[in-house]
């Protein structure tokens, strides 16, 4: 079971799109996989940051903010899927 560690209220940026997704949509549920990732879709960003914080045992929202800023400011355009975001963050996230 995943704990909600990061939510919409924790986001640094406020210009996200907020589309509705069914709870079972792979963009906002399940494990990170080959599902396309939209870095401007707030629900996808919150879902993936939460997933990764749980997976990597991070517990502070400022870690989520660091991930969010990296996704927005530094992630290459060639990173397209949830799995690729996970791999890229794992390789580039440093404290």
Foldseek 3Di string as FASTA:
>chain_A
DFDQQEDPVLEPDDQADEDDDPCPPPLQDDAFDQAWHDLRHRNSLSRLLSRLCRVVVPRHSVLSRVLNCCSVPPDDPVQTGSVSSSVVCVVPPDD
